[in-house]
Amino acid sequence: MNVEENCLFCLIAKMKVNSKILAEDENSIAFLDVNPISNGHALIITKKHYDNLLDIDSDSWSNLFSVFKEVSEKIKKEYNPKGFNFISNIGEEAYQSINHLHIHLIPKYKKEEGFIWSSNN
């Protein structure tokens, strides 16, 4: 069995797993996170399997970013956040839990709620 047959995000991209789709084109798809950090938390993924952002080529990145822009505008209109966090974890030590390139687009409503950036420095 190849990696795409076992990858949750590949299955979502192939419409074999139900998701609330926000935007899609021939190369990328965006959907609401099933465990959102805040209202409107979305994931943007490539339809082609890449493990993470380090593996993607520049054309695929440009396409992915176009879908990101489209989704951010939709979320702004529907949820009216005050800002966003834009995150892509790379590797298990950085909390990447699914080895398929994905970008979190996390709406922020209050600085002290939702995704919190912290440092031990």
N, C-alpha and C. Protein backbone atom coordinates (compact mmCIF):
# COMPACT_ATOMS: atom_id res chain seq x y z
N MET A 1 0.83 -1.18 0.00
CA MET A 1 0.00 0.00 0.00
C MET A 1 0.89 1.25 0.00
N ASN A 2 0.58 2.23 -0.86
CA ASN A 2 1.41 3.43 -0.89
C ASN A 2 0.92 4.43 0.15
N VAL A 3 1.72 5.46 0.39
CA VAL A 3 1.44 6.44 1.45
C VAL A 3 0.11 7.15 1.22
N GLU A 4 -0.24 7.42 -0.03
CA GLU A 4 -1.48 8.14 -0.32
C GLU A 4 -2.73 7.37 0.10
N GLU A 5 -2.66 6.05 0.09
CA GLU A 5 -3.81 5.23 0.47
C GLU A 5 -4.08 5.27 1.97
N ASN A 6 -3.05 5.61 2.76
CA ASN A 6 -3.18 5.66 4.21
C ASN A 6 -3.21 7.08 4.76
N CYS A 7 -3.02 8.06 3.91
CA CYS A 7 -2.91 9.45 4.36
C CYS A 7 -4.29 10.09 4.44
N LEU A 8 -4.66 10.56 5.61
CA LEU A 8 -5.96 11.19 5.81
C LEU A 8 -6.17 12.36 4.85
N PHE A 9 -5.16 13.20 4.67
CA PHE A 9 -5.33 14.37 3.81
C PHE A 9 -5.41 13.99 2.34
N CYS A 10 -4.73 12.94 1.92
CA CYS A 10 -4.89 12.45 0.55
C CYS A 10 -6.32 11.96 0.34
N LEU A 11 -6.87 11.30 1.34
CA LEU A 11 -8.25 10.80 1.25
C LEU A 11 -9.24 11.96 1.20
N ILE A 12 -8.99 13.02 1.95
CA ILE A 12 -9.85 14.21 1.89
C ILE A 12 -9.76 14.83 0.50
N ALA A 13 -8.53 14.96 -0.03
CA ALA A 13 -8.34 15.55 -1.36
C ALA A 13 -9.06 14.75 -2.44
N LYS A 14 -9.17 13.43 -2.24
CA LYS A 14 -9.85 12.57 -3.21
C LYS A 14 -11.34 12.43 -2.91
N MET A 15 -11.82 13.21 -1.92
CA MET A 15 -13.23 13.21 -1.52
C MET A 15 -13.69 11.85 -0.99
N LYS A 16 -12.77 11.09 -0.40
CA LYS A 16 -13.12 9.80 0.20
C LYS A 16 -13.42 9.94 1.69
N VAL A 17 -13.15 11.14 2.24
CA VAL A 17 -13.47 11.46 3.63
C VAL A 17 -14.20 12.79 3.61
N ASN A 18 -15.35 12.84 4.28
CA ASN A 18 -16.16 14.06 4.32
C ASN A 18 -15.44 15.19 5.05
N SER A 19 -15.50 16.38 4.47
CA SER A 19 -14.94 17.58 5.08
C SER A 19 -15.75 18.77 4.61
N LYS A 20 -15.71 19.83 5.39
CA LYS A 20 -16.36 21.09 5.01
C LYS A 20 -15.38 21.85 4.13
N ILE A 21 -15.53 21.72 2.80
CA ILE A 21 -14.61 22.32 1.83
C ILE A 21 -14.90 23.82 1.73
N LEU A 22 -13.84 24.62 1.81
CA LEU A 22 -13.95 26.07 1.70
C LEU A 22 -13.52 26.59 0.34
N ALA A 23 -12.56 25.93 -0.26
CA ALA A 23 -12.05 26.33 -1.58
C ALA A 23 -11.30 25.15 -2.17
N GLU A 24 -11.22 25.14 -3.50
CA GLU A 24 -10.53 24.05 -4.17
C GLU A 24 -10.17 24.49 -5.58
N ASP A 25 -9.02 24.02 -6.03
CA ASP A 25 -8.68 24.11 -7.45
C ASP A 25 -8.05 22.79 -7.85
N GLU A 26 -7.42 22.73 -8.99
CA GLU A 26 -6.90 21.45 -9.47
C GLU A 26 -5.73 20.91 -8.64
N ASN A 27 -5.05 21.79 -7.87
CA ASN A 27 -3.86 21.37 -7.13
C ASN A 27 -3.98 21.43 -5.61
N SER A 28 -4.92 22.19 -5.10
CA SER A 28 -5.02 22.42 -3.66
C SER A 28 -6.47 22.38 -3.20
N ILE A 29 -6.64 22.17 -1.90
CA ILE A 29 -7.98 22.16 -1.31
C ILE A 29 -7.88 22.71 0.11
N ALA A 30 -8.91 23.42 0.51
CA ALA A 30 -8.98 23.98 1.86
C ALA A 30 -10.27 23.54 2.52
N PHE A 31 -10.19 23.24 3.81
CA PHE A 31 -11.34 22.75 4.55
C PHE A 31 -11.23 23.15 6.01
N LEU A 32 -12.35 23.13 6.71
CA LEU A 32 -12.35 23.44 8.13
C LEU A 32 -11.70 22.31 8.92
N ASP A 33 -10.91 22.67 9.91
CA ASP A 33 -10.27 21.70 10.80
C ASP A 33 -11.34 21.04 11.67
N VAL A 34 -11.26 19.72 11.85
CA VAL A 34 -12.25 19.02 12.67
C VAL A 34 -12.03 19.26 14.16
N ASN A 35 -10.84 19.70 14.55
CA ASN A 35 -10.53 20.06 15.94
C ASN A 35 -10.03 21.50 15.97
N PRO A 36 -10.93 22.45 15.73
CA PRO A 36 -10.48 23.83 15.56
C PRO A 36 -9.95 24.48 16.84
N ILE A 37 -8.94 25.30 16.67
CA ILE A 37 -8.41 26.10 17.77
C ILE A 37 -9.31 27.32 17.99
N SER A 38 -9.92 27.80 16.90
CA SER A 38 -10.87 28.92 16.97
C SER A 38 -11.88 28.75 15.84
N ASN A 39 -12.96 29.51 15.89
CA ASN A 39 -13.98 29.44 14.84
C ASN A 39 -13.37 29.82 13.50
N GLY A 40 -13.57 28.96 12.50
CA GLY A 40 -13.05 29.23 11.17
C GLY A 40 -11.66 28.67 10.91
N HIS A 41 -11.09 27.94 11.87
CA HIS A 41 -9.75 27.34 11.70
C HIS A 41 -9.78 26.43 10.47
N ALA A 42 -8.95 26.76 9.49
CA ALA A 42 -8.93 26.02 8.23
C ALA A 42 -7.57 25.39 7.98
N LEU A 43 -7.58 24.35 7.17
CA LEU A 43 -6.35 23.72 6.70
C LEU A 43 -6.33 23.85 5.19
N ILE A 44 -5.16 24.20 4.65
CA ILE A 44 -4.96 24.28 3.21
C ILE A 44 -3.91 23.24 2.88
N ILE A 45 -4.24 22.34 1.95
CA ILE A 45 -3.32 21.25 1.61
C ILE A 45 -3.14 21.17 0.09
N THR A 46 -2.06 20.52 -0.30
CA THR A 46 -1.88 20.17 -1.71
C THR A 46 -2.60 18.86 -1.96
N LYS A 47 -3.14 18.70 -3.15
CA LYS A 47 -3.76 17.42 -3.50
C LYS A 47 -2.70 16.35 -3.72
N LYS A 48 -1.57 16.76 -4.26
CA LYS A 48 -0.45 15.84 -4.41
C LYS A 48 0.20 15.68 -3.04
N HIS A 49 0.61 14.48 -2.72
CA HIS A 49 1.21 14.23 -1.41
C HIS A 49 2.65 14.75 -1.35
N TYR A 50 2.86 15.67 -0.44
CA TYR A 50 4.20 16.11 -0.02
C TYR A 50 4.22 15.95 1.49
N ASP A 51 5.34 15.56 2.06
CA ASP A 51 5.39 15.40 3.52
C ASP A 51 5.24 16.73 4.25
N ASN A 52 5.87 17.79 3.72
CA ASN A 52 5.80 19.09 4.39
C ASN A 52 6.26 20.19 3.42
N LEU A 53 6.31 21.41 3.90
CA LEU A 53 6.67 22.55 3.05
C LEU A 53 8.07 22.46 2.45
N LEU A 54 8.97 21.75 3.10
CA LEU A 54 10.33 21.62 2.58
C LEU A 54 10.38 20.81 1.30
N ASP A 55 9.35 20.01 1.03
CA ASP A 55 9.33 19.13 -0.14
C ASP A 55 8.65 19.74 -1.36
N ILE A 56 7.99 20.87 -1.20
CA ILE A 56 7.16 21.43 -2.27
C ILE A 56 8.00 22.26 -3.25
N ASP A 57 7.60 22.25 -4.52
CA ASP A 57 8.27 23.08 -5.51
C ASP A 57 7.63 24.46 -5.54
N SER A 58 8.28 25.43 -6.16
CA SER A 58 7.81 26.82 -6.11
C SER A 58 6.48 27.02 -6.83
N ASP A 59 6.22 26.29 -7.91
CA ASP A 59 4.94 26.42 -8.59
C ASP A 59 3.79 25.93 -7.70
N SER A 60 4.00 24.82 -7.02
CA SER A 60 2.97 24.29 -6.12
C SER A 60 2.77 25.25 -4.94
N TRP A 61 3.84 25.86 -4.46
CA TRP A 61 3.73 26.83 -3.37
C TRP A 61 2.89 28.03 -3.81
N SER A 62 3.14 28.54 -5.01
CA SER A 62 2.37 29.68 -5.52
C SER A 62 0.89 29.34 -5.60
N ASN A 63 0.59 28.15 -6.08
CA ASN A 63 -0.79 27.72 -6.18
C ASN A 63 -1.42 27.58 -4.80
N LEU A 64 -0.71 26.97 -3.88
CA LEU A 64 -1.20 26.79 -2.52
C LEU A 64 -1.49 28.14 -1.87
N PHE A 65 -0.61 29.10 -2.11
CA PHE A 65 -0.78 30.42 -1.53
C PHE A 65 -2.00 31.14 -2.12
N SER A 66 -2.30 30.90 -3.38
CA SER A 66 -3.50 31.49 -3.99
C SER A 66 -4.76 30.98 -3.30
N VAL A 67 -4.81 29.70 -3.00
CA VAL A 67 -5.96 29.13 -2.30
C VAL A 67 -6.01 29.68 -0.87
N PHE A 68 -4.86 29.82 -0.24
CA PHE A 68 -4.77 30.43 1.09
C PHE A 68 -5.40 31.82 1.08
N LYS A 69 -5.06 32.64 0.09
CA LYS A 69 -5.62 34.00 0.00
C LYS A 69 -7.14 33.96 -0.16
N GLU A 70 -7.63 33.07 -1.01
CA GLU A 70 -9.07 32.94 -1.22
C GLU A 70 -9.79 32.56 0.07
N VAL A 71 -9.23 31.59 0.79
CA VAL A 71 -9.84 31.12 2.03
C VAL A 71 -9.78 32.20 3.11
N SER A 72 -8.68 32.91 3.20
CA SER A 72 -8.58 33.96 4.22
C SER A 72 -9.64 35.04 3.99
N GLU A 73 -9.92 35.37 2.74
CA GLU A 73 -10.98 36.35 2.44
C GLU A 73 -12.35 35.82 2.83
N LYS A 74 -12.62 34.55 2.56
CA LYS A 74 -13.90 33.95 2.95
C LYS A 74 -14.07 33.95 4.47
N ILE A 75 -13.01 33.59 5.17
CA ILE A 75 -13.08 33.55 6.64
C ILE A 75 -13.26 34.96 7.20
N LYS A 76 -12.59 35.94 6.61
CA LYS A 76 -12.77 37.33 7.06
C LYS A 76 -14.22 37.75 6.95
N LYS A 77 -14.85 37.43 5.82
CA LYS A 77 -16.25 37.82 5.60
C LYS A 77 -17.20 37.08 6.53
N GLU A 78 -16.98 35.78 6.71
CA GLU A 78 -17.92 34.97 7.48
C GLU A 78 -17.75 35.09 8.99
N TYR A 79 -16.48 35.16 9.47
CA TYR A 79 -16.21 35.11 10.91
C TYR A 79 -15.74 36.43 11.51
N ASN A 80 -15.28 37.35 10.68
CA ASN A 80 -14.82 38.66 11.12
C ASN A 80 -13.74 38.62 12.21
N PRO A 81 -12.65 37.87 12.00
CA PRO A 81 -11.58 37.85 13.00
C PRO A 81 -10.79 39.16 12.98
N LYS A 82 -10.04 39.39 14.05
CA LYS A 82 -9.19 40.57 14.14
C LYS A 82 -7.81 40.33 13.52
N GLY A 83 -7.48 39.05 13.28
CA GLY A 83 -6.20 38.68 12.69
C GLY A 83 -6.16 37.19 12.43
N PHE A 84 -4.99 36.71 12.01
CA PHE A 84 -4.79 35.28 11.71
C PHE A 84 -3.42 34.84 12.18
N ASN A 85 -3.32 33.56 12.51
CA ASN A 85 -2.03 32.88 12.60
C ASN A 85 -1.95 31.96 11.39
N PHE A 86 -0.78 31.91 10.80
CA PHE A 86 -0.50 31.13 9.60
C PHE A 86 0.66 30.22 9.98
N ILE A 87 0.39 28.91 10.07
CA ILE A 87 1.38 27.99 10.65
C ILE A 87 1.48 26.72 9.81
N SER A 88 2.69 26.26 9.61
CA SER A 88 2.90 24.95 9.03
C SER A 88 4.01 24.25 9.83
N ASN A 89 3.64 23.22 10.56
CA ASN A 89 4.61 22.47 11.36
C ASN A 89 5.36 21.50 10.45
N ILE A 90 6.66 21.39 10.68
CA ILE A 90 7.50 20.51 9.86
C ILE A 90 8.23 19.55 10.79
N GLY A 91 7.79 18.30 10.79
CA GLY A 91 8.42 17.28 11.61
C GLY A 91 7.72 17.08 12.94
N GLU A 92 7.89 15.88 13.46
CA GLU A 92 7.24 15.48 14.71
C GLU A 92 7.63 16.37 15.89
N GLU A 93 8.91 16.77 15.96
CA GLU A 93 9.36 17.63 17.06
C GLU A 93 8.69 18.99 17.03
N ALA A 94 8.24 19.41 15.85
CA ALA A 94 7.54 20.69 15.70
C ALA A 94 6.02 20.49 15.71
N TYR A 95 5.58 19.33 16.19
CA TYR A 95 4.15 19.00 16.34
C TYR A 95 3.42 18.74 15.03
N GLN A 96 4.12 18.32 13.98
CA GLN A 96 3.42 17.89 12.77
C GLN A 96 2.84 16.51 13.06
N SER A 97 1.50 16.41 13.05
CA SER A 97 0.86 15.14 13.41
C SER A 97 0.42 14.34 12.19
N ILE A 98 0.25 15.00 11.05
CA ILE A 98 -0.09 14.30 9.81
C ILE A 98 0.99 14.64 8.80
N ASN A 99 1.65 13.61 8.27
CA ASN A 99 2.76 13.83 7.34
C ASN A 99 2.26 14.06 5.92
N HIS A 100 1.52 15.13 5.78
CA HIS A 100 1.07 15.63 4.48
C HIS A 100 1.12 17.14 4.64
N LEU A 101 1.75 17.81 3.70
CA LEU A 101 1.86 19.25 3.78
C LEU A 101 0.51 19.88 4.08
N HIS A 102 0.46 20.68 5.12
CA HIS A 102 -0.76 21.42 5.43
C HIS A 102 -0.40 22.72 6.14
N ILE A 103 -1.19 23.71 5.83
CA ILE A 103 -1.04 25.03 6.45
C ILE A 103 -2.28 25.29 7.28
N HIS A 104 -2.06 25.66 8.52
CA HIS A 104 -3.16 26.07 9.38
C HIS A 104 -3.40 27.56 9.18
N LEU A 105 -4.63 27.92 8.97
CA LEU A 105 -5.04 29.32 8.94
C LEU A 105 -5.99 29.46 10.13
N ILE A 106 -5.49 30.11 11.19
CA ILE A 106 -6.22 30.16 12.46
C ILE A 106 -6.67 31.60 12.73
N PRO A 107 -7.97 31.85 12.66
CA PRO A 107 -8.47 33.18 12.97
C PRO A 107 -8.22 33.56 14.44
N LYS A 108 -7.90 34.82 14.66
CA LYS A 108 -7.69 35.34 16.02
C LYS A 108 -8.77 36.36 16.32
N TYR A 109 -9.40 36.19 17.47
CA TYR A 109 -10.44 37.11 17.92
C TYR A 109 -9.98 37.92 19.12
N LYS A 110 -9.19 37.29 19.99
CA LYS A 110 -8.57 37.95 21.14
C LYS A 110 -7.15 37.43 21.26
N LYS A 111 -6.23 38.31 21.58
CA LYS A 111 -4.83 37.94 21.67
C LYS A 111 -4.58 36.77 22.62
N GLU A 112 -5.32 36.74 23.72
CA GLU A 112 -5.10 35.73 24.76
C GLU A 112 -5.91 34.45 24.57
N GLU A 113 -6.60 34.31 23.43
CA GLU A 113 -7.39 33.11 23.16
C GLU A 113 -6.97 32.47 21.84
N GLY A 114 -7.30 31.19 21.68
CA GLY A 114 -6.96 30.48 20.45
C GLY A 114 -5.50 30.05 20.45
N PHE A 115 -4.85 30.18 19.31
CA PHE A 115 -3.44 29.84 19.22
C PHE A 115 -2.63 30.87 19.99
N ILE A 116 -1.79 30.39 20.91
CA ILE A 116 -0.95 31.29 21.73
C ILE A 116 0.51 31.00 21.40
N TRP A 117 1.20 32.03 20.97
CA TRP A 117 2.64 31.94 20.70
C TRP A 117 3.36 32.14 22.01
N SER A 118 4.25 31.23 22.36
CA SER A 118 5.02 31.40 23.60
C SER A 118 6.47 31.01 23.34
N SER A 119 7.33 31.51 24.19
CA SER A 119 8.75 31.23 24.08
C SER A 119 9.33 31.00 25.47
N ASN A 120 10.29 30.13 25.55
CA ASN A 120 10.97 29.89 26.83
C ASN A 120 12.16 30.80 27.04
N ASN A 121 12.38 31.72 26.11
CA ASN A 121 13.54 32.63 26.21
C ASN A 121 13.26 33.79 27.12
